[in-house]
Amino acid sequence: YDFISKPFDVERLKLTIQNGLNYKKLLAENESMKKKFDADAEFLGSSEEMKRLKDQVTKIASTSSRVLITGENGTGKELAAKQVHKLSDRSDKPFIHVNCAIIPKDLLEVELFGSVEGYLSFSPGKRIGKFEMANGGTLFLDEIADLSMDSQAKLLNVLSENKIEPLGSNKEIPVDVRVISSTNRNLNQLITEGKFREDLFHRLNVLTLIIPPLRSRKEDIPELVCHFTKEICLKNEMPEKSFTPKALEYLSSLKWPGNVRELKNTIERLIILSDSDIIDRKNIESENRAYSSEMDKLVNSDSTLRDFQDISENIF
C-alpha cells in the first residue's frame, strides 16, 4: 500500500497503517457490491436466439473445456463468460478478467505470468500474475486478438503445459485454470494476414459461443428496457419510471449498432434527463435529436483533441 522511509515518524506510521486498513475495507466493500450486482446479472430475453444461447451456456459450463466467445461490441461477451463460470463447478473459485486491449504490450506478460521480486524497476516487489490468481477458477482473456505475436507464443506454451514461469524466474508453477477468451474480430482473417497464430486459435477454440446482436432479437427489447429501468432507478435512488407501449415499440424499431450496451446507455440517459415518470415515444425522439445534434456538431468541428475529449465526456 505504501512505503516507510527511515528513520520513520511514529505518528506517520500509525496514519499510514490506518489508511491502509481503510483502503482494504473499501476494497472489500466494493467487491461485495460487485458480487451482488454480478449475481443479478443474467442473460435476459425469451427469443429463440437467447433460448439457444442459454442452453449452450448451460452445456458448456458443465465441462472444463476452453471457450472462445465471439460477437459484436456491446452484445454481452463478458456476461457470457461470467455465466459459464457461475454455472460451473469452479464457481466458488476466482473469476479473473484481463482486457488484453488496454494493457500496454510490454506489461501484458507481467500481468499474465507475474514477476519475481526486483525484476521490475518501477515495482520492486513480487508481482502475482493473473494465471496464478485464477488458479482453480476461470481466467477470462477479453479481446484476445490484441495480443502481440510474442505474447501469443508464450500463452500457447502455458496452455500446452499448464505451467507458468514468472518473469525473471527459472522456476515453473503448475496452474489449473479454465481459459475463456473473447473477440469481436474475425480470427480466421487475422490468421490469413499473419496476425494471429493458428495453433493458438485451435487451443482456445475448443468450444465456441456466438453472441447474437440485438438487431436479430428485437423481441427481447421490451424485457431489457424493463430490467434496465428498474436497475437504473434503484442505483440512482430515483422513483421508478416506466415506458409506454408506443415508446417500447419505437425502441424496438431502432437498429442499435452498439447492441445491448447502447440500449442500456440510452435508457439511463432517458431516465435521468426526463422530467416525467412516464416516458413516451416523443420523449425518446426529442432526446435522440438533441443527442445526435450534439454528436454531429462535435464530430464536424475543428476542435482540438483536448476539446473533443472534454465535450464528448459531457455529452456521454
C-alpha atoms as a PDB file:
ATOM      1  CA  TYR A   1       0.000   0.000   0.000  1.00  0.00           C
ATOM      2  CA  ASP A   2       2.777   2.439   0.913  1.00  0.00           C
ATOM      3  CA  PHE A   3       6.411   2.612   1.990  1.00  0.00           C
ATOM      4  CA  ILE A   4       8.129   3.992   5.099  1.00  0.00           C
ATOM      5  CA  SER A   5      11.381   5.936   4.857  1.00  0.00           C
ATOM      6  CA  LYS A   6      13.821   5.551   7.742  1.00  0.00           C
ATOM      7  CA  PRO A   7      14.130   6.964  10.278  1.00  0.00           C
ATOM      8  CA  PHE A   8      10.326   6.928  10.473  1.00  0.00           C
ATOM      9  CA  ASP A   9       7.948   9.085  12.467  1.00  0.00           C
ATOM     10  CA  VAL A  10       5.661   7.019  14.734  1.00  0.00           C
ATOM     11  CA  GLU A  11       2.587   9.180  14.106  1.00  0.00           C
ATOM     12  CA  ARG A  12       3.101   8.998  10.345  1.00  0.00           C
ATOM     13  CA  LEU A  13       3.469   5.216  10.638  1.00  0.00           C
ATOM     14  CA  LYS A  14       0.157   4.997  12.558  1.00  0.00           C
ATOM     15  CA  LEU A  15      -1.571   7.153   9.942  1.00  0.00           C
ATOM     16  CA  THR A  16      -0.210   5.042   7.087  1.00  0.00           C
ATOM     17  CA  ILE A  17      -1.414   1.833   8.769  1.00  0.00           C
ATOM     18  CA  GLN A  18      -4.851   3.353   9.374  1.00  0.00           C
ATOM     19  CA  ASN A  19      -5.102   4.494   5.748  1.00  0.00           C
ATOM     20  CA  GLY A  20      -4.044   1.044   4.585  1.00  0.00           C
ATOM     21  CA  LEU A  21      -6.712  -0.624   6.712  1.00  0.00           C
ATOM     22  CA  ASN A  22      -9.371   1.808   5.443  1.00  0.00           C
ATOM     23  CA  TYR A  23      -8.291   1.149   1.866  1.00  0.00           C
ATOM     24  CA  LYS A  24      -8.544  -2.617   2.391  1.00  0.00           C
ATOM     25  CA  LYS A  25     -12.010  -2.200   3.947  1.00  0.00           C
ATOM     26  CA  LEU A  26     -13.122  -0.087   0.966  1.00  0.00           C
ATOM     27  CA  LEU A  27     -11.878  -2.703  -1.482  1.00  0.00           C
ATOM     28  CA  ALA A  28     -13.768  -5.408   0.420  1.00  0.00           C
ATOM     29  CA  GLU A  29     -16.980  -3.334   0.355  1.00  0.00           C
ATOM     30  CA  ASN A  30     -16.597  -2.663  -3.367  1.00  0.00           C
ATOM     31  CA  GLU A  31     -16.013  -6.352  -4.042  1.00  0.00           C
ATOM     32  CA  SER A  32     -19.105  -7.210  -2.011  1.00  0.00           C
ATOM     33  CA  MET A  33     -21.199  -4.742  -4.036  1.00  0.00           C
ATOM     34  CA  LYS A  34     -19.722  -6.071  -7.276  1.00  0.00           C
ATOM     35  CA  LYS A  35     -20.632  -9.637  -6.347  1.00  0.00           C
ATOM     36  CA  LYS A  36     -24.171  -8.512  -5.521  1.00  0.00           C
ATOM     37  CA  PHE A  37     -24.648  -6.914  -8.937  1.00  0.00           C
ATOM     38  CA  ASP A  38     -22.871  -9.784 -10.713  1.00  0.00           C
ATOM     39  CA  ALA A  39     -25.214 -12.252  -9.030  1.00  0.00           C
ATOM     40  CA  ASP A  40     -28.168 -10.382 -10.525  1.00  0.00           C
ATOM     41  CA  ALA A  41     -26.577 -10.207 -13.968  1.00  0.00           C
ATOM     42  CA  GLU A  42     -28.108 -12.819 -16.207  1.00  0.00           C
ATOM     43  CA  PHE A  43     -28.955 -13.221 -19.855  1.00  0.00           C
ATOM     44  CA  LEU A  44     -32.325 -11.601 -20.459  1.00  0.00           C
ATOM     45  CA  GLY A  45     -34.716 -12.374 -23.273  1.00  0.00           C
ATOM     46  CA  SER A  46     -37.113 -15.070 -24.421  1.00  0.00           C
ATOM     47  CA  SER A  47     -36.292 -15.021 -28.134  1.00  0.00           C
ATOM     48  CA  GLU A  48     -35.254 -18.231 -29.880  1.00  0.00           C
ATOM     49  CA  GLU A  49     -31.685 -16.887 -30.155  1.00  0.00           C
ATOM     50  CA  MET A  50     -31.473 -16.331 -26.399  1.00  0.00           C
ATOM     51  CA  LYS A  51     -33.051 -19.688 -25.547  1.00  0.00           C
ATOM     52  CA  ARG A  52     -30.463 -21.369 -27.747  1.00  0.00           C
ATOM     53  CA  LEU A  53     -27.629 -19.324 -26.181  1.00  0.00           C
ATOM     54  CA  LYS A  54     -28.743 -20.109 -22.596  1.00  0.00           C
ATOM     55  CA  ASP A  55     -28.886 -23.799 -23.459  1.00  0.00           C
ATOM     56  CA  GLN A  56     -25.367 -23.673 -24.917  1.00  0.00           C
ATOM     57  CA  VAL A  57     -24.020 -21.836 -21.843  1.00  0.00           C
ATOM     58  CA  THR A  58     -25.506 -24.476 -19.531  1.00  0.00           C
ATOM     59  CA  LYS A  59     -23.972 -27.325 -21.533  1.00  0.00           C
ATOM     60  CA  ILE A  60     -20.577 -25.606 -21.808  1.00  0.00           C
ATOM     61  CA  ALA A  61     -20.496 -24.761 -18.082  1.00  0.00           C
ATOM     62  CA  SER A  62     -20.698 -28.443 -17.174  1.00  0.00           C
ATOM     63  CA  THR A  63     -17.294 -29.075 -18.808  1.00  0.00           C
ATOM     64  CA  SER A  64     -13.772 -27.769 -18.196  1.00  0.00           C
ATOM     65  CA  SER A  65     -13.014 -27.158 -21.878  1.00  0.00           C
ATOM     66  CA  ARG A  66     -11.715 -23.831 -23.135  1.00  0.00           C
ATOM     67  CA  VAL A  67     -14.251 -21.488 -24.673  1.00  0.00           C
ATOM     68  CA  LEU A  68     -13.979 -18.828 -27.380  1.00  0.00           C
ATOM     69  CA  ILE A  69     -16.751 -16.210 -27.287  1.00  0.00           C
ATOM     70  CA  THR A  70     -17.356 -14.123 -30.399  1.00  0.00           C
ATOM     71  CA  GLY A  71     -19.755 -11.284 -31.066  1.00  0.00           C
ATOM     72  CA  GLU A  72     -20.025  -7.583 -31.790  1.00  0.00           C
ATOM     73  CA  ASN A  73     -19.164  -4.907 -29.245  1.00  0.00           C
ATOM     74  CA  GLY A  74     -21.839  -4.486 -26.603  1.00  0.00           C
ATOM     75  CA  THR A  75     -23.529  -7.868 -27.077  1.00  0.00           C
ATOM     76  CA  GLY A  76     -22.526  -9.252 -23.657  1.00  0.00           C
ATOM     77  CA  LYS A  77     -19.407 -11.389 -24.152  1.00  0.00           C
ATOM     78  CA  GLU A  78     -18.167 -10.722 -20.610  1.00  0.00           C
ATOM     79  CA  LEU A  79     -21.596 -11.588 -19.221  1.00  0.00           C
ATOM     80  CA  ALA A  80     -21.487 -14.888 -21.129  1.00  0.00           C
ATOM     81  CA  ALA A  81     -18.075 -15.686 -19.629  1.00  0.00           C
ATOM     82  CA  LYS A  82     -19.361 -14.922 -16.128  1.00  0.00           C
ATOM     83  CA  GLN A  83     -22.401 -17.116 -16.688  1.00  0.00           C
ATOM     84  CA  VAL A  84     -20.231 -20.045 -17.773  1.00  0.00           C
ATOM     85  CA  HIS A  85     -18.109 -19.605 -14.637  1.00  0.00           C
ATOM     86  CA  LYS A  86     -21.132 -19.129 -12.362  1.00  0.00           C
ATOM     87  CA  LEU A  87     -22.777 -22.360 -13.565  1.00  0.00           C
ATOM     88  CA  SER A  88     -19.553 -24.403 -13.482  1.00  0.00           C
ATOM     89  CA  ASP A  89     -18.040 -26.434 -10.633  1.00  0.00           C
ATOM     90  CA  ARG A  90     -15.402 -23.679 -10.389  1.00  0.00           C
ATOM     91  CA  SER A  91     -17.956 -21.074  -9.280  1.00  0.00           C
ATOM     92  CA  ASP A  92     -16.524 -20.896  -5.745  1.00  0.00           C
ATOM     93  CA  LYS A  93     -13.076 -20.118  -7.155  1.00  0.00           C
ATOM     94  CA  PRO A  94     -11.823 -16.811  -8.656  1.00  0.00           C
ATOM     95  CA  PHE A  95     -13.067 -15.326 -11.928  1.00  0.00           C
ATOM     96  CA  ILE A  96     -10.246 -13.130 -13.224  1.00  0.00           C
ATOM     97  CA  HIS A  97     -10.877 -10.715 -16.110  1.00  0.00           C
ATOM     98  CA  VAL A  98      -7.988  -9.477 -18.278  1.00  0.00           C
ATOM     99  CA  ASN A  99      -8.657  -6.966 -21.057  1.00  0.00           C
ATOM    100  CA  CYS A 100      -5.814  -7.595 -23.494  1.00  0.00           C
ATOM    101  CA  ALA A 101      -6.627  -4.398 -25.430  1.00  0.00           C
ATOM    102  CA  ILE A 102      -5.963  -1.905 -22.634  1.00  0.00           C
ATOM    103  CA  ILE A 103      -2.802  -3.319 -21.025  1.00  0.00           C
ATOM    104  CA  PRO A 104       0.448  -1.981 -22.580  1.00  0.00           C
ATOM    105  CA  LYS A 105       2.174  -4.673 -24.636  1.00  0.00           C
ATOM    106  CA  ASP A 106       5.366  -4.506 -22.571  1.00  0.00           C
ATOM    107  CA  LEU A 107       3.384  -5.143 -19.354  1.00  0.00           C
ATOM    108  CA  LEU A 108       0.958  -7.806 -20.582  1.00  0.00           C
ATOM    109  CA  GLU A 109       3.265 -10.734 -19.816  1.00  0.00           C
ATOM    110  CA  VAL A 110       3.858  -9.403 -16.303  1.00  0.00           C
ATOM    111  CA  GLU A 111       0.082  -9.141 -15.842  1.00  0.00           C
ATOM    112  CA  LEU A 112      -0.481 -12.682 -17.061  1.00  0.00           C
ATOM    113  CA  PHE A 113       2.510 -14.540 -15.616  1.00  0.00           C
ATOM    114  CA  GLY A 114       3.791 -12.291 -12.797  1.00  0.00           C
ATOM    115  CA  SER A 115       7.395 -11.428 -11.959  1.00  0.00           C
ATOM    116  CA  VAL A 116       9.914 -12.113  -9.218  1.00  0.00           C
ATOM    117  CA  GLU A 117      10.986  -9.533  -6.668  1.00  0.00           C
ATOM    118  CA  GLY A 118      13.354  -6.974  -8.146  1.00  0.00           C
ATOM    119  CA  TYR A 119      12.526  -7.759 -11.794  1.00  0.00           C
ATOM    120  CA  LEU A 120      10.623  -4.500 -12.384  1.00  0.00           C
ATOM    121  CA  SER A 121      12.413  -1.267 -11.573  1.00  0.00           C
ATOM    122  CA  PHE A 122       9.163   0.658 -11.020  1.00  0.00           C
ATOM    123  CA  SER A 123       7.609  -2.098  -8.877  1.00  0.00           C
ATOM    124  CA  PRO A 124      10.372  -3.853  -6.946  1.00  0.00           C
ATOM    125  CA  GLY A 125       8.099  -6.279  -5.087  1.00  0.00           C
ATOM    126  CA  LYS A 126       6.931  -9.667  -6.313  1.00  0.00           C
ATOM    127  CA  ARG A 127       4.007  -9.500  -8.777  1.00  0.00           C
ATOM    128  CA  ILE A 128       1.423 -12.284  -8.850  1.00  0.00           C
ATOM    129  CA  GLY A 129       0.198 -12.920 -12.391  1.00  0.00           C
ATOM    130  CA  LYS A 130      -3.440 -13.348 -13.405  1.00  0.00           C
ATOM    131  CA  PHE A 131      -2.917 -17.038 -14.196  1.00  0.00           C
ATOM    132  CA  GLU A 132      -1.779 -17.685 -10.636  1.00  0.00           C
ATOM    133  CA  MET A 133      -4.618 -15.521  -9.248  1.00  0.00           C
ATOM    134  CA  ALA A 134      -7.146 -17.583 -11.225  1.00  0.00           C
ATOM    135  CA  ASN A 135      -5.714 -20.932 -10.108  1.00  0.00           C
ATOM    136  CA  GLY A 136      -8.604 -23.359  -9.627  1.00  0.00           C
ATOM    137  CA  GLY A 137     -11.010 -20.920 -11.258  1.00  0.00           C
ATOM    138  CA  THR A 138     -11.547 -19.135 -14.568  1.00  0.00           C
ATOM    139  CA  LEU A 139      -9.357 -16.689 -16.492  1.00  0.00           C
ATOM    140  CA  PHE A 140     -11.262 -14.523 -18.975  1.00  0.00           C
ATOM    141  CA  LEU A 141      -8.991 -13.131 -21.718  1.00  0.00           C
ATOM    142  CA  ASP A 142     -11.065 -10.351 -23.265  1.00  0.00           C
ATOM    143  CA  GLU A 143     -10.128  -9.017 -26.732  1.00  0.00           C
ATOM    144  CA  ILE A 144      -7.687 -11.879 -27.300  1.00  0.00           C
ATOM    145  CA  ALA A 145      -6.958 -10.659 -30.853  1.00  0.00           C
ATOM    146  CA  ASP A 146      -4.981  -7.723 -29.425  1.00  0.00           C
ATOM    147  CA  LEU A 147      -2.211  -9.948 -28.057  1.00  0.00           C
ATOM    148  CA  SER A 148       1.188  -9.402 -29.675  1.00  0.00           C
ATOM    149  CA  MET A 149       2.758 -12.336 -31.521  1.00  0.00           C
ATOM    150  CA  ASP A 150       5.339 -12.768 -28.710  1.00  0.00           C
ATOM    151  CA  SER A 151       2.605 -12.871 -26.075  1.00  0.00           C
ATOM    152  CA  GLN A 152       0.639 -15.324 -28.206  1.00  0.00           C
ATOM    153  CA  ALA A 153       3.638 -17.676 -28.306  1.00  0.00           C
ATOM    154  CA  LYS A 154       4.051 -17.579 -24.527  1.00  0.00           C
ATOM    155  CA  LEU A 155       0.322 -18.040 -23.946  1.00  0.00           C
ATOM    156  CA  LEU A 156       0.367 -21.053 -26.278  1.00  0.00           C
ATOM    157  CA  ASN A 157       3.162 -22.604 -24.216  1.00  0.00           C
ATOM    158  CA  VAL A 158       1.222 -22.089 -20.970  1.00  0.00           C
ATOM    159  CA  LEU A 159      -1.918 -23.642 -22.459  1.00  0.00           C
ATOM    160  CA  SER A 160       0.131 -26.619 -23.653  1.00  0.00           C
ATOM    161  CA  GLU A 161       1.985 -27.250 -20.382  1.00  0.00           C
ATOM    162  CA  ASN A 162      -0.450 -25.830 -17.783  1.00  0.00           C
ATOM    163  CA  LYS A 163       2.546 -24.189 -16.143  1.00  0.00           C
ATOM    164  CA  ILE A 164       3.657 -20.570 -15.880  1.00  0.00           C
ATOM    165  CA  GLU A 165       7.107 -19.108 -15.395  1.00  0.00           C
ATOM    166  CA  PRO A 166       7.100 -15.651 -13.751  1.00  0.00           C
ATOM    167  CA  LEU A 167       9.365 -13.144 -15.467  1.00  0.00           C
ATOM    168  CA  GLY A 168      12.866 -13.205 -14.003  1.00  0.00           C
ATOM    169  CA  SER A 169      12.392 -16.734 -12.650  1.00  0.00           C
ATOM    170  CA  ASN A 170      13.535 -20.128 -13.896  1.00  0.00           C
ATOM    171  CA  LYS A 171      11.006 -21.985 -11.770  1.00  0.00           C
ATOM    172  CA  GLU A 172       7.737 -23.202 -13.268  1.00  0.00           C
ATOM    173  CA  ILE A 173       4.461 -23.017 -11.305  1.00  0.00           C
ATOM    174  CA  PRO A 174       1.700 -25.507 -12.181  1.00  0.00           C
ATOM    175  CA  VAL A 175      -1.741 -23.913 -12.656  1.00  0.00           C
ATOM    176  CA  ASP A 176      -5.252 -25.320 -13.025  1.00  0.00           C
ATOM    177  CA  VAL A 177      -7.145 -22.615 -14.918  1.00  0.00           C
ATOM    178  CA  ARG A 178     -10.090 -22.710 -17.284  1.00  0.00           C
ATOM    179  CA  VAL A 179      -9.403 -20.160 -20.026  1.00  0.00           C
ATOM    180  CA  ILE A 180     -12.304 -18.330 -21.668  1.00  0.00           C
ATOM    181  CA  SER A 181     -11.364 -15.863 -24.392  1.00  0.00           C
ATOM    182  CA  SER A 182     -13.376 -13.398 -26.443  1.00  0.00           C
ATOM    183  CA  THR A 183     -13.047 -11.232 -29.518  1.00  0.00           C
ATOM    184  CA  ASN A 184     -15.157  -9.057 -31.789  1.00  0.00           C
ATOM    185  CA  ARG A 185     -12.782  -9.630 -34.707  1.00  0.00           C
ATOM    186  CA  ASN A 186     -12.517 -12.349 -37.365  1.00  0.00           C
ATOM    187  CA  LEU A 187      -9.671 -14.547 -36.126  1.00  0.00           C
ATOM    188  CA  ASN A 188      -9.611 -16.625 -39.323  1.00  0.00           C
ATOM    189  CA  GLN A 189      -8.920 -13.456 -41.287  1.00  0.00           C
ATOM    190  CA  LEU A 190      -6.200 -12.419 -38.817  1.00  0.00           C
ATOM    191  CA  ILE A 191      -4.620 -15.871 -39.206  1.00  0.00           C
ATOM    192  CA  THR A 192      -4.581 -15.411 -43.003  1.00  0.00           C
ATOM    193  CA  GLU A 193      -2.951 -11.977 -42.528  1.00  0.00           C
ATOM    194  CA  GLY A 194      -0.310 -13.481 -40.219  1.00  0.00           C
ATOM    195  CA  LYS A 195      -1.505 -11.502 -37.201  1.00  0.00           C
ATOM    196  CA  PHE A 196      -2.800 -14.398 -35.108  1.00  0.00           C
ATOM    197  CA  ARG A 197      -1.307 -17.840 -34.563  1.00  0.00           C
ATOM    198  CA  GLU A 198      -3.358 -20.682 -35.985  1.00  0.00           C
ATOM    199  CA  ASP A 199      -2.100 -23.139 -33.347  1.00  0.00           C
ATOM    200  CA  LEU A 200      -3.204 -20.754 -30.561  1.00  0.00           C
ATOM    201  CA  PHE A 201      -6.599 -20.367 -32.225  1.00  0.00           C
ATOM    202  CA  HIS A 202      -7.133 -24.125 -32.101  1.00  0.00           C
ATOM    203  CA  ARG A 203      -6.019 -24.239 -28.457  1.00  0.00           C
ATOM    204  CA  LEU A 204      -8.559 -21.555 -27.500  1.00  0.00           C
ATOM    205  CA  ASN A 205     -11.408 -22.561 -29.799  1.00  0.00           C
ATOM    206  CA  VAL A 206     -12.422 -25.894 -28.249  1.00  0.00           C
ATOM    207  CA  LEU A 207     -15.999 -24.718 -27.654  1.00  0.00           C
ATOM    208  CA  THR A 208     -17.498 -21.660 -29.342  1.00  0.00           C
ATOM    209  CA  LEU A 209     -20.181 -19.266 -28.142  1.00  0.00           C
ATOM    210  CA  ILE A 210     -21.557 -16.785 -30.681  1.00  0.00           C
ATOM    211  CA  ILE A 211     -23.446 -13.929 -29.012  1.00  0.00           C
ATOM    212  CA  PRO A 212     -26.239 -12.649 -31.300  1.00  0.00           C
ATOM    213  CA  PRO A 213     -26.526  -8.893 -31.999  1.00  0.00           C
ATOM    214  CA  LEU A 214     -29.535  -7.083 -30.591  1.00  0.00           C
ATOM    215  CA  ARG A 215     -30.976  -6.444 -34.067  1.00  0.00           C
ATOM    216  CA  SER A 216     -31.513 -10.197 -34.502  1.00  0.00           C
ATOM    217  CA  ARG A 217     -33.579 -10.470 -31.312  1.00  0.00           C
ATOM    218  CA  LYS A 218     -35.569  -7.253 -31.158  1.00  0.00           C
ATOM    219  CA  GLU A 219     -38.468  -9.034 -29.445  1.00  0.00           C
ATOM    220  CA  ASP A 220     -36.268  -9.046 -26.310  1.00  0.00           C
ATOM    221  CA  ILE A 221     -36.026  -5.237 -26.178  1.00  0.00           C
ATOM    222  CA  PRO A 222     -39.162  -4.606 -24.017  1.00  0.00           C
ATOM    223  CA  GLU A 223     -37.888  -7.078 -21.417  1.00  0.00           C
ATOM    224  CA  LEU A 224     -34.433  -5.489 -21.469  1.00  0.00           C
ATOM    225  CA  VAL A 225     -35.895  -1.979 -21.117  1.00  0.00           C
ATOM    226  CA  CYS A 226     -37.981  -3.060 -18.115  1.00  0.00           C
ATOM    227  CA  HIS A 227     -34.965  -4.658 -16.428  1.00  0.00           C
ATOM    228  CA  PHE A 228     -32.635  -1.712 -17.077  1.00  0.00           C
ATOM    229  CA  THR A 229     -35.272   0.777 -15.886  1.00  0.00           C
ATOM    230  CA  LYS A 230     -35.601  -0.941 -12.509  1.00  0.00           C
ATOM    231  CA  GLU A 231     -31.839  -1.329 -12.166  1.00  0.00           C
ATOM    232  CA  ILE A 232     -31.043   2.305 -13.071  1.00  0.00           C
ATOM    233  CA  CYS A 233     -33.763   3.800 -10.863  1.00  0.00           C
ATOM    234  CA  LEU A 234     -32.606   1.684  -7.926  1.00  0.00           C
ATOM    235  CA  LYS A 235     -28.941   2.547  -8.467  1.00  0.00           C
ATOM    236  CA  ASN A 236     -29.688   6.280  -8.640  1.00  0.00           C
ATOM    237  CA  GLU A 237     -32.274   6.191  -5.818  1.00  0.00           C
ATOM    238  CA  MET A 238     -34.967   7.570  -8.114  1.00  0.00           C
ATOM    239  CA  PRO A 239     -38.715   6.826  -8.228  1.00  0.00           C
ATOM    240  CA  GLU A 240     -39.298   4.033 -10.702  1.00  0.00           C
ATOM    241  CA  LYS A 241     -40.208   5.254 -14.179  1.00  0.00           C
ATOM    242  CA  SER A 242     -41.941   3.415 -16.986  1.00  0.00           C
ATOM    243  CA  PHE A 243     -42.072   3.375 -20.785  1.00  0.00           C
ATOM    244  CA  THR A 244     -45.340   3.477 -22.709  1.00  0.00           C
ATOM    245  CA  PRO A 245     -46.171   0.752 -25.293  1.00  0.00           C
ATOM    246  CA  LYS A 246     -45.504   3.275 -28.098  1.00  0.00           C
ATOM    247  CA  ALA A 247     -42.093   4.049 -26.584  1.00  0.00           C
ATOM    248  CA  LEU A 248     -41.228   0.349 -26.409  1.00  0.00           C
ATOM    249  CA  GLU A 249     -42.424  -0.137 -29.987  1.00  0.00           C
ATOM    250  CA  TYR A 250     -40.252   2.745 -31.154  1.00  0.00           C
ATOM    251  CA  LEU A 251     -37.187   1.470 -29.258  1.00  0.00           C
ATOM    252  CA  SER A 252     -37.730  -1.960 -30.827  1.00  0.00           C
ATOM    253  CA  SER A 253     -37.698  -0.410 -34.317  1.00  0.00           C
ATOM    254  CA  LEU A 254     -34.219   1.142 -33.959  1.00  0.00           C
ATOM    255  CA  LYS A 255     -31.056  -0.512 -35.300  1.00  0.00           C
ATOM    256  CA  TRP A 256     -28.850  -0.451 -32.142  1.00  0.00           C
ATOM    257  CA  PRO A 257     -25.391  -0.798 -33.727  1.00  0.00           C
ATOM    258  CA  GLY A 258     -23.937  -0.658 -30.202  1.00  0.00           C
ATOM    259  CA  ASN A 259     -26.200  -3.550 -29.168  1.00  0.00           C
ATOM    260  CA  VAL A 260     -27.315  -4.075 -25.542  1.00  0.00           C
ATOM    261  CA  ARG A 261     -24.714  -1.652 -24.185  1.00  0.00           C
ATOM    262  CA  GLU A 262     -26.068   1.156 -26.383  1.00  0.00           C
ATOM    263  CA  LEU A 263     -29.646   0.330 -25.377  1.00  0.00           C
ATOM    264  CA  LYS A 264     -28.762   0.448 -21.678  1.00  0.00           C
ATOM    265  CA  ASN A 265     -26.940   3.781 -22.067  1.00  0.00           C
ATOM    266  CA  THR A 266     -29.944   5.218 -23.909  1.00  0.00           C
ATOM    267  CA  ILE A 267     -32.379   4.060 -21.218  1.00  0.00           C
ATOM    268  CA  GLU A 268     -30.167   5.516 -18.493  1.00  0.00           C
ATOM    269  CA  ARG A 269     -29.953   8.856 -20.311  1.00  0.00           C
ATOM    270  CA  LEU A 270     -33.720   8.979 -20.814  1.00  0.00           C
ATOM    271  CA  ILE A 271     -34.487   8.114 -17.182  1.00  0.00           C
ATOM    272  CA  ILE A 272     -32.083  10.678 -15.735  1.00  0.00           C
ATOM    273  CA  LEU A 273     -32.963  13.538 -18.087  1.00  0.00           C
ATOM    274  CA  SER A 274     -36.726  13.003 -18.286  1.00  0.00           C
ATOM    275  CA  ASP A 275     -38.899  15.174 -16.002  1.00  0.00           C
ATOM    276  CA  SER A 276     -41.814  12.762 -16.262  1.00  0.00           C
ATOM    277  CA  ASP A 277     -42.249   9.360 -14.592  1.00  0.00           C
ATOM    278  CA  ILE A 278     -43.760   8.050 -17.836  1.00  0.00           C
ATOM    279  CA  ILE A 279     -41.554   8.101 -20.941  1.00  0.00           C
ATOM    280  CA  ASP A 280     -43.301   8.201 -24.315  1.00  0.00           C
ATOM    281  CA  ARG A 281     -42.078   7.988 -27.909  1.00  0.00           C
ATOM    282  CA  LYS A 282     -41.932  11.773 -28.247  1.00  0.00           C
ATOM    283  CA  ASN A 283     -39.513  11.967 -25.278  1.00  0.00           C
ATOM    284  CA  ILE A 284     -37.198   9.475 -26.981  1.00  0.00           C
ATOM    285  CA  GLU A 285     -37.350  11.216 -30.360  1.00  0.00           C
ATOM    286  CA  SER A 286     -36.668  14.580 -28.739  1.00  0.00           C
ATOM    287  CA  GLU A 287     -33.730  13.230 -26.752  1.00  0.00           C
ATOM    288  CA  ASN A 288     -32.294  11.402 -29.781  1.00  0.00           C
ATOM    289  CA  ARG A 289     -32.448  14.578 -31.878  1.00  0.00           C
ATOM    290  CA  ALA A 290     -30.633  16.587 -29.209  1.00  0.00           C
ATOM    291  CA  TYR A 291     -28.057  13.854 -28.680  1.00  0.00           C
ATOM    292  CA  SER A 292     -27.441  13.329 -32.414  1.00  0.00           C
ATOM    293  CA  SER A 293     -27.209  17.072 -32.981  1.00  0.00           C
ATOM    294  CA  GLU A 294     -24.543  17.434 -30.282  1.00  0.00           C
ATOM    295  CA  MET A 295     -22.566  14.484 -31.649  1.00  0.00           C
ATOM    296  CA  ASP A 296     -22.745  15.750 -35.244  1.00  0.00           C
ATOM    297  CA  LYS A 297     -21.622  19.177 -34.120  1.00  0.00           C
ATOM    298  CA  LEU A 298     -18.706  17.680 -32.199  1.00  0.00           C
ATOM    299  CA  VAL A 299     -17.515  15.314 -34.933  1.00  0.00           C
ATOM    300  CA  ASN A 300     -17.626  18.002 -37.630  1.00  0.00           C
ATOM    301  CA  SER A 301     -15.996  20.716 -35.524  1.00  0.00           C
ATOM    302  CA  ASP A 302     -12.369  21.906 -35.728  1.00  0.00           C
ATOM    303  CA  SER A 303     -11.826  21.328 -32.018  1.00  0.00           C
ATOM    304  CA  THR A 304      -8.527  20.113 -30.612  1.00  0.00           C
ATOM    305  CA  LEU A 305      -8.170  16.623 -29.175  1.00  0.00           C
ATOM    306  CA  ARG A 306      -8.428  18.072 -25.647  1.00  0.00           C
ATOM    307  CA  ASP A 307     -11.621  19.960 -26.553  1.00  0.00           C
ATOM    308  CA  PHE A 308     -13.048  16.856 -28.232  1.00  0.00           C
ATOM    309  CA  GLN A 309     -12.388  14.827 -25.081  1.00  0.00           C
ATOM    310  CA  ASP A 310     -13.914  17.427 -22.739  1.00  0.00           C
ATOM    311  CA  ILE A 311     -17.035  17.948 -24.852  1.00  0.00           C
ATOM    312  CA  SER A 312     -17.618  14.238 -25.570  1.00  0.00           C
ATOM    313  CA  GLU A 313     -17.335  13.405 -21.870  1.00  0.00           C
ATOM    314  CA  ASN A 314     -20.025  15.967 -21.101  1.00  0.00           C
ATOM    315  CA  ILE A 315     -22.285  14.564 -23.822  1.00  0.00           C
ATOM    316  CA  PHE A 316     -21.899  10.977 -22.640  1.00  0.00           C
END
